[in-house]
Protein backbone atom coordinates (compact mmCIF):
# COMPACT_ATOMS: atom_id res chain seq x y z
CA SER A 1 -91.24 -34.41 -5.84
CA GLY A 2 -93.66 -31.50 -6.02
CA PRO A 3 -94.73 -28.99 -8.62
CA LEU A 4 -92.19 -27.68 -11.09
CA PRO A 5 -90.90 -24.11 -10.68
CA PRO A 6 -91.91 -21.54 -13.29
CA PRO A 7 -89.41 -21.09 -16.15
CA THR A 8 -88.52 -17.60 -14.92
CA ASP A 9 -87.34 -19.06 -11.60
CA ILE A 10 -84.87 -21.49 -13.18
CA VAL A 11 -81.17 -20.66 -13.43
CA TRP A 12 -80.63 -22.22 -16.83
CA SER A 13 -76.84 -22.22 -16.63
CA ASN A 14 -77.01 -24.55 -13.58
CA ILE A 15 -79.67 -26.91 -14.91
CA THR A 16 -77.21 -29.62 -16.02
CA LEU A 17 -75.50 -30.05 -12.63
CA ALA A 18 -76.13 -33.35 -10.84
CA ALA A 19 -77.98 -33.30 -7.51
CA ASP A 20 -75.19 -35.14 -5.64
CA ASN A 21 -72.69 -32.63 -7.01
CA ILE A 22 -74.83 -29.78 -5.64
CA GLU A 23 -75.09 -31.49 -2.23
CA THR A 24 -71.32 -31.89 -2.03
CA ARG A 25 -70.74 -28.28 -3.05
CA THR A 26 -73.32 -27.11 -0.51
CA LEU A 27 -71.49 -28.99 2.23
CA LEU A 28 -68.16 -27.48 1.16
CA ALA A 29 -69.72 -24.01 0.97
CA ASP A 30 -71.13 -24.43 4.48
CA CYS A 31 -67.69 -25.44 5.76
CA TRP A 32 -66.19 -22.38 4.13
CA LEU A 33 -68.92 -20.18 5.67
CA TRP A 34 -68.20 -21.61 9.14
CA LEU A 35 -64.54 -20.73 8.65
CA CYS A 36 -65.56 -17.22 7.61
CA ALA A 37 -67.81 -16.98 10.65
CA LEU A 38 -64.87 -17.87 12.90
CA CYS A 39 -62.84 -15.09 11.28
CA TRP A 40 -65.75 -12.65 11.43
CA THR A 41 -65.40 -11.63 15.10
CA PRO A 42 -61.66 -10.83 14.93
CA LEU A 43 -62.31 -8.93 11.70
CA ILE A 44 -64.97 -6.80 13.40
CA ALA A 45 -62.67 -6.20 16.39
CA ALA A 46 -59.87 -5.11 14.05
CA LEU A 47 -62.31 -2.83 12.26
CA GLN A 48 -63.23 -1.18 15.56
CA VAL A 49 -59.56 -0.58 16.38
CA VAL A 50 -58.84 0.89 12.95
CA ALA A 51 -61.93 3.10 13.16
CA ASN A 52 -60.74 4.58 16.46
CA LEU A 53 -59.99 8.28 15.94
CA ASP A 54 -56.80 8.20 17.99
CA GLU A 55 -55.46 5.38 15.81
CA MET A 56 -56.49 7.23 12.67
CA ALA A 57 -54.73 10.40 13.87
CA ARG A 58 -51.56 8.40 14.45
CA VAL A 59 -51.67 7.09 10.88
CA PHE A 60 -52.94 10.32 9.29
CA PRO A 61 -51.18 13.29 10.95
CA PHE A 62 -53.58 15.87 9.49
CA LEU A 63 -56.26 14.51 11.86
CA LYS A 64 -54.19 15.31 14.98
CA PRO A 65 -55.84 18.73 15.65
CA PHE A 66 -59.26 17.16 15.20
CA VAL A 67 -58.48 14.67 17.98
CA THR A 68 -56.68 16.97 20.44
CA GLU A 69 -58.47 20.33 20.22
CA ASP A 70 -61.62 20.89 22.29
CA ARG A 71 -63.39 22.97 19.66
CA TYR A 72 -63.87 19.79 17.60
CA ALA A 73 -65.36 17.78 20.49
CA TYR A 74 -68.86 17.63 18.98
CA LEU A 75 -67.57 16.52 15.57
CA ARG A 76 -65.23 14.07 17.25
CA SER A 77 -68.11 12.45 19.13
CA ILE A 78 -70.15 12.17 15.92
CA ALA A 79 -67.21 10.69 14.02
CA THR A 80 -66.41 8.28 16.85
CA GLY A 81 -69.98 7.02 16.77
CA LEU A 82 -70.50 6.96 13.00
CA ILE A 83 -67.25 5.69 11.50
CA PRO A 84 -67.27 2.22 13.12
CA VAL A 85 -70.99 1.74 12.45
CA THR A 86 -70.67 2.84 8.83
CA LEU A 87 -67.73 0.53 8.22
CA LEU A 88 -69.58 -2.37 9.84
CA LEU A 89 -72.68 -1.73 7.72
CA CYS A 90 -70.56 -1.66 4.55
CA LEU A 91 -69.02 -4.96 5.55
CA LEU A 92 -72.43 -6.46 6.32
CA ALA A 93 -73.73 -5.24 2.96
CA LEU A 94 -71.09 -7.33 1.19
CA VAL A 95 -72.15 -10.59 2.85
CA PRO A 96 -75.39 -11.17 0.84
CA ILE A 97 -73.57 -10.32 -2.39
CA LEU A 98 -70.88 -12.89 -1.63
CA LEU A 99 -73.49 -15.46 -0.57
CA GLU A 100 -75.39 -14.99 -3.83
CA TYR A 101 -72.22 -15.47 -5.85
CA LEU A 102 -71.43 -18.59 -3.81
CA ALA A 103 -74.93 -20.05 -4.26
CA LYS A 104 -75.18 -19.31 -7.97
CA SER A 105 -71.64 -19.82 -9.22
CA TYR A 106 -70.10 -22.39 -6.91
CA VAL A 107 -72.91 -24.45 -5.38
CA GLY A 108 -74.94 -24.28 -8.60
CA LEU A 109 -78.43 -24.06 -7.17
CA LYS A 110 -81.01 -24.45 -9.92
CA THR A 111 -83.72 -21.92 -8.98
CA HIS A 112 -83.64 -18.31 -7.94
CA SER A 113 -85.91 -19.13 -4.99
CA SER A 114 -83.46 -21.76 -3.70
CA ILE A 115 -80.64 -19.22 -4.10
CA GLN A 116 -82.62 -16.70 -2.05
CA ARG A 117 -83.33 -19.34 0.62
CA PHE A 118 -79.59 -20.17 0.72
CA ILE A 119 -78.70 -16.48 1.13
CA LEU A 120 -81.30 -15.79 3.83
CA SER A 121 -80.53 -18.83 5.93
CA ARG A 122 -76.75 -18.24 5.91
CA TYR A 123 -77.03 -14.46 6.36
CA PHE A 124 -79.20 -15.04 9.43
CA TYR A 125 -76.29 -16.78 11.15
CA PHE A 126 -73.88 -13.98 10.26
CA GLN A 127 -76.22 -11.49 11.89
CA LEU A 128 -76.40 -13.62 15.03
CA LEU A 129 -72.65 -13.22 15.46
């Protein structure tokens, strides 16, 4: 079975969970992640639409001069390029946090290294999308 992990690597709150229970929860977590991955692309597309300055000016009238007047063209180009990217990065920053919660609290992985492996392998697929 291999060498034992050091005591600092063990998640002691998950130590009593049965291995078959962890396997079942891992399978369910992977199914949930596939469902999230299917919803990921429409979510990103919706984020791009919401981040569009013309849409934002329609919702927030105080932005109307910023969109229509030529003196704000430079700022408008910066905002058009930065707002969608910033929102996407914020959304991507939440994924590892949610994966860690899923691995530690739901799946019940027993070592911090296995939790990190779970996070990295699943986050890789989200970045491929």
